[in-house]
PDB file of all heavy atoms in Angstrom:
ATOM      1  N   ASP A   1     -13.179 -51.472 -15.388  1.00  0.00           N
ATOM      2  CA  ASP A   1     -13.612 -50.528 -14.371  1.00  0.00           C
ATOM      3  C   ASP A   1     -14.556 -51.228 -13.405  1.00  0.00           C
ATOM      4  O   ASP A   1     -15.762 -51.143 -13.507  1.00  0.00           O
ATOM      5  CB  ASP A   1     -14.291 -49.325 -15.051  1.00  0.00           C
ATOM      6  CG  ASP A   1     -14.607 -48.214 -14.065  1.00  0.00           C
ATOM      7  OD1 ASP A   1     -14.266 -48.379 -12.884  1.00  0.00           O
ATOM      8  OD2 ASP A   1     -15.188 -47.203 -14.472  1.00  0.00           O
ATOM      9  N   GLN A   2     -13.988 -51.969 -12.466  1.00  0.00           N
ATOM     10  CA  GLN A   2     -14.811 -52.687 -11.503  1.00  0.00           C
ATOM     11  C   GLN A   2     -15.341 -51.772 -10.404  1.00  0.00           C
ATOM     12  O   GLN A   2     -16.321 -52.075  -9.751  1.00  0.00           O
ATOM     13  CB  GLN A   2     -14.007 -53.811 -10.867  1.00  0.00           C
ATOM     14  CG  GLN A   2     -13.474 -54.811 -11.878  1.00  0.00           C
ATOM     15  CD  GLN A   2     -12.627 -55.856 -11.187  1.00  0.00           C
ATOM     16  OE1 GLN A   2     -13.113 -56.634 -10.408  1.00  0.00           O
ATOM     17  NE2 GLN A   2     -11.342 -55.858 -11.483  1.00  0.00           N
ATOM     18  N   ARG A   3     -14.662 -50.660 -10.193  1.00  0.00           N
ATOM     19  CA  ARG A   3     -15.024 -49.792  -9.086  1.00  0.00           C
ATOM     20  C   ARG A   3     -16.169 -48.871  -9.459  1.00  0.00           C
ATOM     21  O   ARG A   3     -17.070 -48.620  -8.678  1.00  0.00           O
ATOM     22  CB  ARG A   3     -13.797 -48.971  -8.662  1.00  0.00           C
ATOM     23  CG  ARG A   3     -14.053 -48.014  -7.523  1.00  0.00           C
ATOM     24  CD  ARG A   3     -12.743 -47.470  -6.986  1.00  0.00           C
ATOM     25  NE  ARG A   3     -11.915 -48.551  -6.494  1.00  0.00           N
ATOM     26  CZ  ARG A   3     -10.654 -48.410  -6.121  1.00  0.00           C
ATOM     27  NH1 ARG A   3     -10.064 -47.242  -6.228  1.00  0.00           N
ATOM     28  NH2 ARG A   3      -9.963 -49.428  -5.675  1.00  0.00           N
ATOM     29  N   GLY A   4     -16.162 -48.321 -10.649  1.00  0.00           N
ATOM     30  CA  GLY A   4     -17.195 -47.379 -11.054  1.00  0.00           C
ATOM     31  C   GLY A   4     -16.790 -45.961 -10.713  1.00  0.00           C
ATOM     32  O   GLY A   4     -16.206 -45.690  -9.666  1.00  0.00           O
ATOM     33  N   ALA A   5     -17.080 -45.039 -11.605  1.00  0.00           N
ATOM     34  CA  ALA A   5     -16.696 -43.637 -11.401  1.00  0.00           C
ATOM     35  C   ALA A   5     -17.813 -42.930 -10.647  1.00  0.00           C
ATOM     36  O   ALA A   5     -18.760 -42.404 -11.236  1.00  0.00           O
ATOM     37  CB  ALA A   5     -16.430 -42.979 -12.749  1.00  0.00           C
ATOM     38  N   TRP A   6     -17.719 -42.920  -9.327  1.00  0.00           N
ATOM     39  CA  TRP A   6     -18.716 -42.251  -8.485  1.00  0.00           C
ATOM     40  C   TRP A   6     -18.277 -40.811  -8.313  1.00  0.00           C
ATOM     41  O   TRP A   6     -17.159 -40.531  -7.883  1.00  0.00           O
ATOM     42  CB  TRP A   6     -18.832 -42.968  -7.151  1.00  0.00           C
ATOM     43  CG  TRP A   6     -20.019 -42.557  -6.343  1.00  0.00           C
ATOM     44  CD1 TRP A   6     -21.320 -42.535  -6.755  1.00  0.00           C
ATOM     45  CD2 TRP A   6     -20.019 -42.121  -4.985  1.00  0.00           C
ATOM     46  NE1 TRP A   6     -22.146 -42.131  -5.742  1.00  0.00           N
ATOM     47  CE2 TRP A   6     -21.362 -41.861  -4.638  1.00  0.00           C
ATOM     48  CE3 TRP A   6     -19.024 -41.937  -4.032  1.00  0.00           C
ATOM     49  CZ2 TRP A   6     -21.739 -41.423  -3.369  1.00  0.00           C
ATOM     50  CZ3 TRP A   6     -19.396 -41.502  -2.777  1.00  0.00           C
ATOM     51  CH2 TRP A   6     -20.737 -41.244  -2.446  1.00  0.00           C
ATOM     52  N   LEU A   7     -19.158 -39.869  -8.610  1.00  0.00           N
ATOM     53  CA  LEU A   7     -18.767 -38.468  -8.718  1.00  0.00           C
ATOM     54  C   LEU A   7     -18.810 -37.687  -7.409  1.00  0.00           C
ATOM     55  O   LEU A   7     -18.346 -36.550  -7.373  1.00  0.00           O
ATOM     56  CB  LEU A   7     -19.676 -37.765  -9.743  1.00  0.00           C
ATOM     57  CG  LEU A   7     -19.506 -38.225 -11.190  1.00  0.00           C
ATOM     58  CD1 LEU A   7     -20.609 -37.649 -12.060  1.00  0.00           C
ATOM     59  CD2 LEU A   7     -18.142 -37.811 -11.720  1.00  0.00           C
ATOM     60  N   PHE A   8     -19.370 -38.274  -6.339  1.00  0.00           N
ATOM     61  CA  PHE A   8     -19.444 -37.525  -5.079  1.00  0.00           C
ATOM     62  C   PHE A   8     -18.105 -37.640  -4.358  1.00  0.00           C
ATOM     63  O   PHE A   8     -17.986 -38.194  -3.269  1.00  0.00           O
ATOM     64  CB  PHE A   8     -20.581 -38.073  -4.223  1.00  0.00           C
ATOM     65  CG  PHE A   8     -21.240 -37.040  -3.336  1.00  0.00           C
ATOM     66  CD1 PHE A   8     -22.410 -37.335  -2.670  1.00  0.00           C
ATOM     67  CD2 PHE A   8     -20.707 -35.775  -3.173  1.00  0.00           C
ATOM     68  CE1 PHE A   8     -23.039 -36.410  -1.853  1.00  0.00           C
ATOM     69  CE2 PHE A   8     -21.312 -34.834  -2.368  1.00  0.00           C
ATOM     70  CZ  PHE A   8     -22.490 -35.158  -1.704  1.00  0.00           C
ATOM     71  N   ALA A   9     -17.069 -37.078  -4.984  1.00  0.00           N
ATOM     72  CA  ALA A   9     -15.690 -37.301  -4.551  1.00  0.00           C
ATOM     73  C   ALA A   9     -15.366 -36.805  -3.143  1.00  0.00           C
ATOM     74  O   ALA A   9     -14.551 -37.419  -2.455  1.00  0.00           O
ATOM     75  CB  ALA A   9     -14.718 -36.676  -5.556  1.00  0.00           C
ATOM     76  N   PRO A  10     -15.919 -35.676  -2.656  1.00  0.00           N
ATOM     77  CA  PRO A  10     -15.556 -35.258  -1.295  1.00  0.00           C
ATOM     78  C   PRO A  10     -15.834 -36.304  -0.226  1.00  0.00           C
ATOM     79  O   PRO A  10     -15.220 -36.294   0.839  1.00  0.00           O
ATOM     80  CB  PRO A  10     -16.415 -34.000  -1.080  1.00  0.00           C
ATOM     81  CG  PRO A  10     -16.648 -33.462  -2.444  1.00  0.00           C
ATOM     82  CD  PRO A  10     -16.775 -34.681  -3.323  1.00  0.00           C
ATOM     83  N   LEU A  11     -16.756 -37.233  -0.503  1.00  0.00           N
ATOM     84  CA  LEU A  11     -17.105 -38.239   0.494  1.00  0.00           C
ATOM     85  C   LEU A  11     -16.135 -39.402   0.528  1.00  0.00           C
ATOM     86  O   LEU A  11     -16.030 -40.094   1.538  1.00  0.00           O
ATOM     87  CB  LEU A  11     -18.523 -38.775   0.245  1.00  0.00           C
ATOM     88  CG  LEU A  11     -19.645 -38.035   0.980  1.00  0.00           C
ATOM     89  CD1 LEU A  11     -19.744 -36.601   0.513  1.00  0.00           C
ATOM     90  CD2 LEU A  11     -20.966 -38.757   0.786  1.00  0.00           C
ATOM     91  N   VAL A  12     -15.420 -39.661  -0.563  1.00  0.00           N
ATOM     92  CA  VAL A  12     -14.564 -40.840  -0.603  1.00  0.00           C
ATOM     93  C   VAL A  12     -13.097 -40.507  -0.859  1.00  0.00           C
ATOM     94  O   VAL A  12     -12.249 -41.393  -0.779  1.00  0.00           O
ATOM     95  CB  VAL A  12     -15.045 -41.842  -1.674  1.00  0.00           C
ATOM     96  CG1 VAL A  12     -16.417 -42.390  -1.333  1.00  0.00           C
ATOM     97  CG2 VAL A  12     -15.067 -41.190  -3.051  1.00  0.00           C
ATOM     98  N   SER A  13     -12.791 -39.267  -1.152  1.00  0.00           N
ATOM     99  CA  SER A  13     -11.395 -38.895  -1.369  1.00  0.00           C
ATOM    100  C   SER A  13     -10.651 -38.820  -0.039  1.00  0.00           C
ATOM    101  O   SER A  13     -11.264 -38.660   1.020  1.00  0.00           O
ATOM    102  CB  SER A  13     -11.310 -37.545  -2.092  1.00  0.00           C
ATOM    103  OG  SER A  13     -11.861 -37.624  -3.384  1.00  0.00           O
ATOM    104  N   ALA A  14      -9.342 -38.935  -0.107  1.00  0.00           N
ATOM    105  CA  ALA A  14      -8.501 -38.859   1.089  1.00  0.00           C
ATOM    106  C   ALA A  14      -7.582 -37.650   0.978  1.00  0.00           C
ATOM    107  O   ALA A  14      -7.029 -37.374  -0.089  1.00  0.00           O
ATOM    108  CB  ALA A  14      -7.677 -40.128   1.249  1.00  0.00           C
ATOM    109  N   THR A  15      -7.418 -36.943   2.075  1.00  0.00           N
ATOM    110  CA  THR A  15      -6.526 -35.782   2.113  1.00  0.00           C
ATOM    111  C   THR A  15      -5.315 -36.105   2.978  1.00  0.00           C
ATOM    112  O   THR A  15      -5.459 -36.619   4.090  1.00  0.00           O
ATOM    113  CB  THR A  15      -7.253 -34.542   2.657  1.00  0.00           C
ATOM    114  OG1 THR A  15      -8.358 -34.253   1.790  1.00  0.00           O
ATOM    115  CG2 THR A  15      -6.342 -33.341   2.694  1.00  0.00           C
ATOM    116  N   ILE A  16      -4.139 -35.805   2.464  1.00  0.00           N
ATOM    117  CA  ILE A  16      -2.875 -36.131   3.116  1.00  0.00           C
ATOM    118  C   ILE A  16      -2.124 -34.836   3.390  1.00  0.00           C
ATOM    119  O   ILE A  16      -1.937 -34.021   2.474  1.00  0.00           O
ATOM    120  CB  ILE A  16      -2.017 -37.038   2.213  1.00  0.00           C
ATOM    121  CG1 ILE A  16      -2.799 -38.301   1.831  1.00  0.00           C
ATOM    122  CG2 ILE A  16      -0.689 -37.386   2.874  1.00  0.00           C
ATOM    123  CD1 ILE A  16      -2.194 -39.039   0.649  1.00  0.00           C
ATOM    124  N   ALA A  17      -1.717 -34.618   4.621  1.00  0.00           N
ATOM    125  CA  ALA A  17      -0.903 -33.445   4.951  1.00  0.00           C
ATOM    126  C   ALA A  17       0.546 -33.727   4.578  1.00  0.00           C
ATOM    127  O   ALA A  17       1.097 -34.777   4.929  1.00  0.00           O
ATOM    128  CB  ALA A  17      -1.013 -33.114   6.436  1.00  0.00           C
ATOM    129  N   LEU A  18       1.163 -32.807   3.873  1.00  0.00           N
ATOM    130  CA  LEU A  18       2.560 -32.940   3.483  1.00  0.00           C
ATOM    131  C   LEU A  18       3.439 -32.193   4.473  1.00  0.00           C
ATOM    132  O   LEU A  18       3.073 -31.114   4.953  1.00  0.00           O
ATOM    133  CB  LEU A  18       2.774 -32.386   2.070  1.00  0.00           C
ATOM    134  CG  LEU A  18       1.896 -33.012   0.978  1.00  0.00           C
ATOM    135  CD1 LEU A  18       2.209 -32.391  -0.382  1.00  0.00           C
ATOM    136  CD2 LEU A  18       2.072 -34.519   0.920  1.00  0.00           C
ATOM    137  N   GLU A  19       4.587 -32.764   4.759  1.00  0.00           N
ATOM    138  CA  GLU A  19       5.501 -32.156   5.734  1.00  0.00           C
ATOM    139  C   GLU A  19       5.896 -30.752   5.288  1.00  0.00           C
ATOM    140  O   GLU A  19       6.101 -30.490   4.096  1.00  0.00           O
ATOM    141  CB  GLU A  19       6.751 -33.018   5.874  1.00  0.00           C
ATOM    142  CG  GLU A  19       7.689 -32.557   6.982  1.00  0.00           C
ATOM    143  CD  GLU A  19       8.890 -33.472   7.122  1.00  0.00           C
ATOM    144  OE1 GLU A  19       9.153 -34.259   6.203  1.00  0.00           O
ATOM    145  OE2 GLU A  19       9.562 -33.400   8.169  1.00  0.00           O
ATOM    146  N   ASP A  20       5.989 -29.841   6.253  1.00  0.00           N
ATOM    147  CA  ASP A  20       6.391 -28.468   5.950  1.00  0.00           C
ATOM    148  C   ASP A  20       7.778 -28.444   5.328  1.00  0.00           C
ATOM    149  O   ASP A  20       8.658 -29.220   5.711  1.00  0.00           O
ATOM    150  CB  ASP A  20       6.389 -27.611   7.213  1.00  0.00           C
ATOM    151  CG  ASP A  20       4.988 -27.382   7.764  1.00  0.00           C
ATOM    152  OD1 ASP A  20       4.021 -27.512   6.984  1.00  0.00           O
ATOM    153  OD2 ASP A  20       4.863 -27.065   8.964  1.00  0.00           O
ATOM    154  N   ASP A  21       7.962 -27.553   4.378  1.00  0.00           N
ATOM    155  CA  ASP A  21       9.281 -27.340   3.793  1.00  0.00           C
ATOM    156  C   ASP A  21      10.069 -26.430   4.725  1.00  0.00           C
ATOM    157  O   ASP A  21       9.633 -25.317   5.050  1.00  0.00           O
ATOM    158  CB  ASP A  21       9.150 -26.703   2.405  1.00  0.00           C
ATOM    159  CG  ASP A  21      10.444 -26.791   1.614  1.00  0.00           C
ATOM    160  OD1 ASP A  21      11.469 -26.278   2.110  1.00  0.00           O
ATOM    161  OD2 ASP A  21      10.425 -27.362   0.501  1.00  0.00           O
ATOM    162  N   ARG A  22      11.209 -26.883   5.177  1.00  0.00           N
ATOM    163  CA  ARG A  22      11.980 -26.155   6.196  1.00  0.00           C
ATOM    164  C   ARG A  22      12.747 -24.963   5.641  1.00  0.00           C
ATOM    165  O   ARG A  22      13.412 -24.242   6.395  1.00  0.00           O
ATOM    166  CB  ARG A  22      12.955 -27.111   6.886  1.00  0.00           C
ATOM    167  CG  ARG A  22      12.247 -28.281   7.579  1.00  0.00           C
ATOM    168  CD  ARG A  22      13.229 -29.254   8.190  1.00  0.00           C
ATOM    169  NE  ARG A  22      12.544 -30.393   8.786  1.00  0.00           N
ATOM    170  CZ  ARG A  22      13.165 -31.408   9.385  1.00  0.00           C
ATOM    171  NH1 ARG A  22      14.490 -31.427   9.451  1.00  0.00           N
ATOM    172  NH2 ARG A  22      12.460 -32.404   9.892  1.00  0.00           N
ATOM    173  N   ARG A  23      12.665 -24.732   4.349  1.00  0.00           N
ATOM    174  CA  ARG A  23      13.442 -23.646   3.751  1.00  0.00           C
ATOM    175  C   ARG A  23      12.735 -22.301   3.818  1.00  0.00           C
ATOM    176  O   ARG A  23      13.296 -21.289   3.377  1.00  0.00           O
ATOM    177  CB  ARG A  23      13.760 -23.993   2.293  1.00  0.00           C
ATOM    178  CG  ARG A  23      14.678 -25.188   2.139  1.00  0.00           C
ATOM    179  CD  ARG A  23      14.819 -25.597   0.693  1.00  0.00           C
ATOM    180  NE  ARG A  23      13.593 -26.175   0.146  1.00  0.00           N
ATOM    181  CZ  ARG A  23      13.466 -26.605  -1.093  1.00  0.00           C
ATOM    182  NH1 ARG A  23      14.492 -26.508  -1.939  1.00  0.00           N
ATOM    183  NH2 ARG A  23      12.327 -27.134  -1.507  1.00  0.00           N
ATOM    184  N   GLY A  24      11.527 -22.264   4.363  1.00  0.00           N
ATOM    185  CA  GLY A  24      10.815 -21.004   4.461  1.00  0.00           C
ATOM    186  C   GLY A  24      10.387 -20.444   3.124  1.00  0.00           C
ATOM    187  O   GLY A  24      10.466 -19.230   2.882  1.00  0.00           O
ATOM    188  N   LEU A  25       9.908 -21.313   2.231  1.00  0.00           N
ATOM    189  CA  LEU A  25       9.502 -20.883   0.908  1.00  0.00           C
ATOM    190  C   LEU A  25       8.211 -20.072   0.970  1.00  0.00           C
ATOM    191  O   LEU A  25       7.401 -20.215   1.894  1.00  0.00           O
ATOM    192  CB  LEU A  25       9.278 -22.100   0.011  1.00  0.00           C
ATOM    193  CG  LEU A  25      10.449 -23.062  -0.186  1.00  0.00           C
ATOM    194  CD1 LEU A  25      10.030 -24.203  -1.112  1.00  0.00           C
ATOM    195  CD2 LEU A  25      11.669 -22.345  -0.745  1.00  0.00           C
ATOM    196  N   THR A  26       8.011 -19.235  -0.020  1.00  0.00           N
ATOM    197  CA  THR A  26       6.728 -18.569  -0.175  1.00  0.00           C
ATOM    198  C   THR A  26       5.704 -19.597  -0.655  1.00  0.00           C
ATOM    199  O   THR A  26       6.076 -20.663  -1.159  1.00  0.00           O
ATOM    200  CB  THR A  26       6.818 -17.425  -1.191  1.00  0.00           C
ATOM    201  OG1 THR A  26       7.038 -17.990  -2.498  1.00  0.00           O
ATOM    202  CG2 THR A  26       7.951 -16.462  -0.844  1.00  0.00           C
ATOM    203  N   PRO A  27       4.400 -19.295  -0.538  1.00  0.00           N
ATOM    204  CA  PRO A  27       3.404 -20.249  -1.032  1.00  0.00           C
ATOM    205  C   PRO A  27       3.572 -20.574  -2.514  1.00  0.00           C
ATOM    206  O   PRO A  27       3.419 -21.732  -2.919  1.00  0.00           O
ATOM    207  CB  PRO A  27       2.074 -19.533  -0.764  1.00  0.00           C
ATOM    208  CG  PRO A  27       2.366 -18.593   0.352  1.00  0.00           C
ATOM    209  CD  PRO A  27       3.784 -18.155   0.162  1.00  0.00           C
ATOM    210  N   VAL A  28       3.900 -19.580  -3.317  1.00  0.00           N
ATOM    211  CA  VAL A  28       4.072 -19.821  -4.746  1.00  0.00           C
ATOM    212  C   VAL A  28       5.294 -20.699  -5.002  1.00  0.00           C
ATOM    213  O   VAL A  28       5.261 -21.610  -5.830  1.00  0.00           O
ATOM    214  CB  VAL A  28       4.171 -18.490  -5.506  1.00  0.00           C
ATOM    215  CG1 VAL A  28       4.649 -18.706  -6.944  1.00  0.00           C
ATOM    216  CG2 VAL A  28       2.821 -17.786  -5.513  1.00  0.00           C
ATOM    217  N   GLU A  29       6.385 -20.459  -4.270  1.00  0.00           N
ATOM    218  CA  GLU A  29       7.576 -21.304  -4.412  1.00  0.00           C
ATOM    219  C   GLU A  29       7.272 -22.734  -3.976  1.00  0.00           C
ATOM    220  O   GLU A  29       7.702 -23.695  -4.625  1.00  0.00           O
ATOM    221  CB  GLU A  29       8.729 -20.730  -3.592  1.00  0.00           C
ATOM    222  CG  GLU A  29       9.290 -19.434  -4.143  1.00  0.00           C
ATOM    223  CD  GLU A  29      10.296 -18.790  -3.203  1.00  0.00           C
ATOM    224  OE1 GLU A  29      10.252 -19.096  -1.983  1.00  0.00           O
ATOM    225  OE2 GLU A  29      11.113 -17.962  -3.668  1.00  0.00           O
ATOM    226  N   ARG A  30       6.529 -22.882  -2.875  1.00  0.00           N
ATOM    227  CA  ARG A  30       6.168 -24.225  -2.409  1.00  0.00           C
ATOM    228  C   ARG A  30       5.333 -24.946  -3.470  1.00  0.00           C
ATOM    229  O   ARG A  30       5.548 -26.138  -3.758  1.00  0.00           O
ATOM    230  CB  ARG A  30       5.371 -24.133  -1.100  1.00  0.00           C
ATOM    231  CG  ARG A  30       4.961 -25.512  -0.518  1.00  0.00           C
ATOM    232  CD  ARG A  30       6.100 -26.128   0.230  1.00  0.00           C
ATOM    233  NE  ARG A  30       5.897 -27.532   0.546  1.00  0.00           N
ATOM    234  CZ  ARG A  30       5.237 -28.007   1.607  1.00  0.00           C
ATOM    235  NH1 ARG A  30       4.671 -27.160   2.454  1.00  0.00           N
ATOM    236  NH2 ARG A  30       5.163 -29.297   1.834  1.00  0.00           N
ATOM    237  N   ALA A  31       4.384 -24.234  -4.043  1.00  0.00           N
ATOM    238  CA  ALA A  31       3.544 -24.837  -5.073  1.00  0.00           C
ATOM    239  C   ALA A  31       4.372 -25.265  -6.275  1.00  0.00           C
ATOM    240  O   ALA A  31       4.171 -26.354  -6.830  1.00  0.00           O
ATOM    241  CB  ALA A  31       2.461 -23.839  -5.495  1.00  0.00           C
ATOM    242  N   ALA A  32       5.316 -24.436  -6.680  1.00  0.00           N
ATOM    243  CA  ALA A  32       6.153 -24.766  -7.839  1.00  0.00           C
ATOM    244  C   ALA A  32       7.009 -25.997  -7.570  1.00  0.00           C
ATOM    245  O   ALA A  32       7.185 -26.849  -8.451  1.00  0.00           O
ATOM    246  CB  ALA A  32       7.030 -23.569  -8.204  1.00  0.00           C
ATOM    247  N   THR A  33       7.558 -26.108  -6.359  1.00  0.00           N
ATOM    248  CA  THR A  33       8.369 -27.290  -6.050  1.00  0.00           C
ATOM    249  C   THR A  33       7.520 -28.549  -6.010  1.00  0.00           C
ATOM    250  O   THR A  33       7.978 -29.634  -6.400  1.00  0.00           O
ATOM    251  CB  THR A  33       9.114 -27.127  -4.711  1.00  0.00           C
ATOM    252  OG1 THR A  33       8.170 -27.002  -3.635  1.00  0.00           O
ATOM    253  CG2 THR A  33      10.025 -25.904  -4.729  1.00  0.00           C
ATOM    254  N   LEU A  34       6.263 -28.442  -5.572  1.00  0.00           N
ATOM    255  CA  LEU A  34       5.388 -29.612  -5.560  1.00  0.00           C
ATOM    256  C   LEU A  34       5.054 -30.057  -6.983  1.00  0.00           C
ATOM    257  O   LEU A  34       4.980 -31.264  -7.271  1.00  0.00           O
ATOM    258  CB  LEU A  34       4.112 -29.309  -4.776  1.00  0.00           C
ATOM    259  CG  LEU A  34       4.281 -29.177  -3.258  1.00  0.00           C
ATOM    260  CD1 LEU A  34       2.997 -28.681  -2.615  1.00  0.00           C
ATOM    261  CD2 LEU A  34       4.711 -30.505  -2.636  1.00  0.00           C
ATOM    262  N   LEU A  35       4.851 -29.113  -7.878  1.00  0.00           N
ATOM    263  CA  LEU A  35       4.636 -29.475  -9.281  1.00  0.00           C
ATOM    264  C   LEU A  35       5.885 -30.147  -9.851  1.00  0.00           C
ATOM    265  O   LEU A  35       5.785 -31.127 -10.605  1.00  0.00           O
ATOM    266  CB  LEU A  35       4.287 -28.237 -10.106  1.00  0.00           C
ATOM    267  CG  LEU A  35       2.928 -27.589  -9.804  1.00  0.00           C
ATOM    268  CD1 LEU A  35       2.732 -26.349 -10.664  1.00  0.00           C
ATOM    269  CD2 LEU A  35       1.792 -28.580 -10.035  1.00  0.00           C
ATOM    270  N   HIS A  36       7.061 -29.630  -9.461  1.00  0.00           N
ATOM    271  CA  HIS A  36       8.310 -30.274  -9.880  1.00  0.00           C
ATOM    272  C   HIS A  36       8.384 -31.694  -9.317  1.00  0.00           C
ATOM    273  O   HIS A  36       8.793 -32.632 -10.012  1.00  0.00           O
ATOM    274  CB  HIS A  36       9.503 -29.448  -9.402  1.00  0.00           C
ATOM    275  CG  HIS A  36      10.822 -30.133  -9.597  1.00  0.00           C
ATOM    276  ND1 HIS A  36      11.539 -30.052 -10.764  1.00  0.00           N
ATOM    277  CD2 HIS A  36      11.551 -30.930  -8.758  1.00  0.00           C
ATOM    278  CE1 HIS A  36      12.652 -30.765 -10.645  1.00  0.00           C
ATOM    279  NE2 HIS A  36      12.680 -31.305  -9.433  1.00  0.00           N
ATOM    280  N   GLY A  37       7.983 -31.861  -8.042  1.00  0.00           N
ATOM    281  CA  GLY A  37       8.011 -33.184  -7.429  1.00  0.00           C
ATOM    282  C   GLY A  37       7.073 -34.152  -8.116  1.00  0.00           C
ATOM    283  O   GLY A  37       7.397 -35.329  -8.309  1.00  0.00           O
TER     284      GLY A  37
END
């Protein structure tokens, strides 16, 4: 563990926008497909 577990994660984490699903899924359906992915 050369990096060290620094707990102030909001400052160093990265957020990635995922492309919209063109099938018009509900939020729950979208979430389920992402878990499947």
